[in-house]
Amino acid sequence: MLKATCHCGNVEIAVPELPGHLVQCTCSLCRRYGALWGYYTRAQAQVSYDPGSVTAYAWNDKVIEFYHCKTCGCLTHYEGIEKTPEDRISINFRMFSPDVYSELTVRTFDGADTWKFID
């Protein structure tokens, strides 16, 4: 299990293995966040925090929520409003030490215009 936390440690993340690649997205949110996304199912990834210690931001069509630690402000993950074990959860790999993911390919997804990978 690979483990990470937000800066203050309020949000703990555990994933079973590295994803095949990471994704940087060019949408209006992700480009501002500077996140590197790794994708898992909710059954695979574990994100733990005390109730009330995170806040979620849902924008536009309100189908996904971006979670931030209320103490340190780190963007830790996003997931769909529907939360079944098979649903995807996107982990911000910036929460891990860079040496954990430095060998992974980073793909660029054009979430601003074409909704296609542009690398």
C-alpha atoms as a PDB file:
ATOM      1  CA  MET A   1       0.000   0.000   0.000  1.00  0.00           C
ATOM      2  CA  LEU A   2       1.266   3.462  -0.915  1.00  0.00           C
ATOM      3  CA  LYS A   3       0.366   6.140   1.635  1.00  0.00           C
ATOM      4  CA  ALA A   4       0.195   9.915   1.590  1.00  0.00           C
ATOM      5  CA  THR A   5      -1.387  12.790   3.481  1.00  0.00           C
ATOM      6  CA  CYS A   6      -2.322  16.399   2.965  1.00  0.00           C
ATOM      7  CA  HIS A   7       0.218  18.883   4.374  1.00  0.00           C
ATOM      8  CA  CYS A   8      -1.179  18.883   7.923  1.00  0.00           C
ATOM      9  CA  GLY A   9      -2.021  15.160   7.978  1.00  0.00           C
ATOM     10  CA  ASN A  10      -5.795  15.520   8.431  1.00  0.00           C
ATOM     11  CA  VAL A  11      -6.484  13.639   5.182  1.00  0.00           C
ATOM     12  CA  GLU A  12      -4.861  10.239   4.750  1.00  0.00           C
ATOM     13  CA  ILE A  13      -4.690   8.489   1.390  1.00  0.00           C
ATOM     14  CA  ALA A  14      -3.800   4.870   0.650  1.00  0.00           C
ATOM     15  CA  VAL A  15      -3.679   3.215  -2.772  1.00  0.00           C
ATOM     16  CA  PRO A  16      -2.719  -0.395  -3.541  1.00  0.00           C
ATOM     17  CA  GLU A  17      -0.292   0.415  -6.364  1.00  0.00           C
ATOM     18  CA  LEU A  18       0.803   3.144  -8.732  1.00  0.00           C
ATOM     19  CA  PRO A  19      -1.517   3.892 -11.622  1.00  0.00           C
ATOM     20  CA  GLY A  20      -0.305   3.244 -15.177  1.00  0.00           C
ATOM     21  CA  HIS A  21       0.133   7.001 -15.695  1.00  0.00           C
ATOM     22  CA  LEU A  22      -0.840  10.337 -14.189  1.00  0.00           C
ATOM     23  CA  VAL A  23      -3.033  12.971 -15.809  1.00  0.00           C
ATOM     24  CA  GLN A  24      -2.720  16.729 -15.860  1.00  0.00           C
ATOM     25  CA  CYS A  25      -5.938  18.322 -17.056  1.00  0.00           C
ATOM     26  CA  THR A  26      -6.316  21.687 -18.764  1.00  0.00           C
ATOM     27  CA  CYS A  27      -9.860  22.445 -17.532  1.00  0.00           C
ATOM     28  CA  SER A  28     -10.472  25.723 -15.741  1.00  0.00           C
ATOM     29  CA  LEU A  29     -10.136  24.092 -12.301  1.00  0.00           C
ATOM     30  CA  CYS A  30      -7.344  21.568 -12.750  1.00  0.00           C
ATOM     31  CA  ARG A  31      -5.007  24.005 -14.470  1.00  0.00           C
ATOM     32  CA  ARG A  32      -5.368  26.291 -11.461  1.00  0.00           C
ATOM     33  CA  TYR A  33      -4.945  23.457  -8.965  1.00  0.00           C
ATOM     34  CA  GLY A  34      -1.830  22.031 -10.645  1.00  0.00           C
ATOM     35  CA  ALA A  35      -2.923  18.532  -9.707  1.00  0.00           C
ATOM     36  CA  LEU A  36      -1.560  15.267 -11.068  1.00  0.00           C
ATOM     37  CA  TRP A  37      -4.430  12.795 -11.070  1.00  0.00           C
ATOM     38  CA  GLY A  38      -4.208   9.048 -10.541  1.00  0.00           C
ATOM     39  CA  TYR A  39      -7.418   7.099 -11.063  1.00  0.00           C
ATOM     40  CA  TYR A  40      -8.816   4.252  -8.991  1.00  0.00           C
ATOM     41  CA  THR A  41     -12.175   2.836  -8.026  1.00  0.00           C
ATOM     42  CA  ARG A  42     -13.509   3.808  -4.624  1.00  0.00           C
ATOM     43  CA  ALA A  43     -13.042   0.164  -3.610  1.00  0.00           C
ATOM     44  CA  GLN A  44      -9.304   0.389  -4.411  1.00  0.00           C
ATOM     45  CA  ALA A  45      -8.368   3.754  -2.874  1.00  0.00           C
ATOM     46  CA  GLN A  46      -8.841   4.698   0.743  1.00  0.00           C
ATOM     47  CA  VAL A  47      -9.265   8.355   1.682  1.00  0.00           C
ATOM     48  CA  SER A  48      -9.722   8.918   5.401  1.00  0.00           C
ATOM     49  CA  TYR A  49     -10.534  12.084   7.339  1.00  0.00           C
ATOM     50  CA  ASP A  50     -12.534  13.172  10.339  1.00  0.00           C
ATOM     51  CA  PRO A  51     -16.036  14.443   9.590  1.00  0.00           C
ATOM     52  CA  GLY A  52     -15.965  18.188   9.084  1.00  0.00           C
ATOM     53  CA  SER A  53     -12.240  18.328   8.299  1.00  0.00           C
ATOM     54  CA  VAL A  54     -12.696  18.625   4.526  1.00  0.00           C
ATOM     55  CA  THR A  55     -14.810  20.739   2.260  1.00  0.00           C
ATOM     56  CA  ALA A  56     -16.024  19.837  -1.212  1.00  0.00           C
ATOM     57  CA  TYR A  57     -16.444  22.122  -4.198  1.00  0.00           C
ATOM     58  CA  ALA A  58     -18.844  21.104  -6.952  1.00  0.00           C
ATOM     59  CA  TRP A  59     -19.078  23.410  -9.950  1.00  0.00           C
ATOM     60  CA  ASN A  60     -20.966  23.753 -13.211  1.00  0.00           C
ATOM     61  CA  ASP A  61     -23.104  20.630 -13.689  1.00  0.00           C
ATOM     62  CA  LYS A  62     -22.441  19.475 -10.091  1.00  0.00           C
ATOM     63  CA  VAL A  63     -21.478  15.877 -10.933  1.00  0.00           C
ATOM     64  CA  ILE A  64     -18.031  15.826  -9.301  1.00  0.00           C
ATOM     65  CA  GLU A  65     -16.748  17.177  -5.992  1.00  0.00           C
ATOM     66  CA  PHE A  66     -13.201  18.436  -5.417  1.00  0.00           C
ATOM     67  CA  TYR A  67     -12.126  17.847  -1.801  1.00  0.00           C
ATOM     68  CA  HIS A  68      -9.843  20.175   0.155  1.00  0.00           C
ATOM     69  CA  CYS A  69      -8.516  19.933   3.705  1.00  0.00           C
ATOM     70  CA  LYS A  70     -10.063  22.712   5.798  1.00  0.00           C
ATOM     71  CA  THR A  71      -6.856  23.182   7.803  1.00  0.00           C
ATOM     72  CA  CYS A  72      -4.041  23.272   5.229  1.00  0.00           C
ATOM     73  CA  GLY A  73      -6.092  23.794   2.057  1.00  0.00           C
ATOM     74  CA  CYS A  74      -4.580  20.929   0.064  1.00  0.00           C
ATOM     75  CA  LEU A  75      -6.683  19.547  -2.784  1.00  0.00           C
ATOM     76  CA  THR A  76      -6.548  15.819  -2.066  1.00  0.00           C
ATOM     77  CA  HIS A  77      -8.989  14.143  -4.450  1.00  0.00           C
ATOM     78  CA  TYR A  78     -12.155  14.389  -6.453  1.00  0.00           C
ATOM     79  CA  GLU A  79     -15.008  11.987  -6.949  1.00  0.00           C
ATOM     80  CA  GLY A  80     -18.475  11.844  -8.397  1.00  0.00           C
ATOM     81  CA  ILE A  81     -21.543  12.817  -6.453  1.00  0.00           C
ATOM     82  CA  GLU A  82     -22.672   9.172  -6.703  1.00  0.00           C
ATOM     83  CA  LYS A  83     -20.454   7.145  -4.397  1.00  0.00           C
ATOM     84  CA  THR A  84     -20.593   3.423  -5.072  1.00  0.00           C
ATOM     85  CA  PRO A  85     -17.527   1.155  -4.642  1.00  0.00           C
ATOM     86  CA  GLU A  86     -17.219   0.845  -8.445  1.00  0.00           C
ATOM     87  CA  ASP A  87     -17.201   4.604  -9.042  1.00  0.00           C
ATOM     88  CA  ARG A  88     -13.951   6.362  -9.875  1.00  0.00           C
ATOM     89  CA  ILE A  89     -12.005   8.396  -7.354  1.00  0.00           C
ATOM     90  CA  SER A  90      -9.220  10.643  -8.565  1.00  0.00           C
ATOM     91  CA  ILE A  91      -6.274  11.022  -6.211  1.00  0.00           C
ATOM     92  CA  ASN A  92      -4.034  14.092  -6.399  1.00  0.00           C
ATOM     93  CA  PHE A  93      -0.578  12.552  -6.531  1.00  0.00           C
ATOM     94  CA  ARG A  94       0.945  15.848  -5.393  1.00  0.00           C
ATOM     95  CA  MET A  95       0.063  14.551  -1.903  1.00  0.00           C
ATOM     96  CA  PHE A  96       2.727  11.838  -2.332  1.00  0.00           C
ATOM     97  CA  SER A  97       6.444  12.432  -2.155  1.00  0.00           C
ATOM     98  CA  PRO A  98       7.732  13.153  -5.690  1.00  0.00           C
ATOM     99  CA  ASP A  99      10.064  10.153  -5.547  1.00  0.00           C
ATOM    100  CA  VAL A 100       6.968   7.895  -5.408  1.00  0.00           C
ATOM    101  CA  TYR A 101       5.632   9.014  -8.801  1.00  0.00           C
ATOM    102  CA  SER A 102       8.634  10.543 -10.588  1.00  0.00           C
ATOM    103  CA  GLU A 103       9.003   7.616 -13.001  1.00  0.00           C
ATOM    104  CA  LEU A 104       5.375   7.708 -14.160  1.00  0.00           C
ATOM    105  CA  THR A 105       4.340   9.152 -17.510  1.00  0.00           C
ATOM    106  CA  VAL A 106       2.233  12.293 -17.216  1.00  0.00           C
ATOM    107  CA  ARG A 107      -0.451  12.587 -19.893  1.00  0.00           C
ATOM    108  CA  THR A 108      -2.206  15.840 -20.736  1.00  0.00           C
ATOM    109  CA  PHE A 109      -5.977  15.797 -21.025  1.00  0.00           C
ATOM    110  CA  ASP A 110      -7.603  18.739 -22.791  1.00  0.00           C
ATOM    111  CA  GLY A 111     -10.503  19.279 -20.425  1.00  0.00           C
ATOM    112  CA  ALA A 112     -10.821  22.880 -21.612  1.00  0.00           C
ATOM    113  CA  ASP A 113     -11.769  22.222 -25.233  1.00  0.00           C
ATOM    114  CA  THR A 114     -11.618  18.823 -26.949  1.00  0.00           C
ATOM    115  CA  TRP A 115     -12.011  16.344 -24.046  1.00  0.00           C
ATOM    116  CA  LYS A 116      -9.207  14.283 -25.570  1.00  0.00           C
ATOM    117  CA  PHE A 117      -5.644  13.455 -24.595  1.00  0.00           C
ATOM    118  CA  ILE A 118      -3.320  15.838 -26.417  1.00  0.00           C
ATOM    119  CA  ASP A 119       0.067  14.257 -25.732  1.00  0.00           C
END
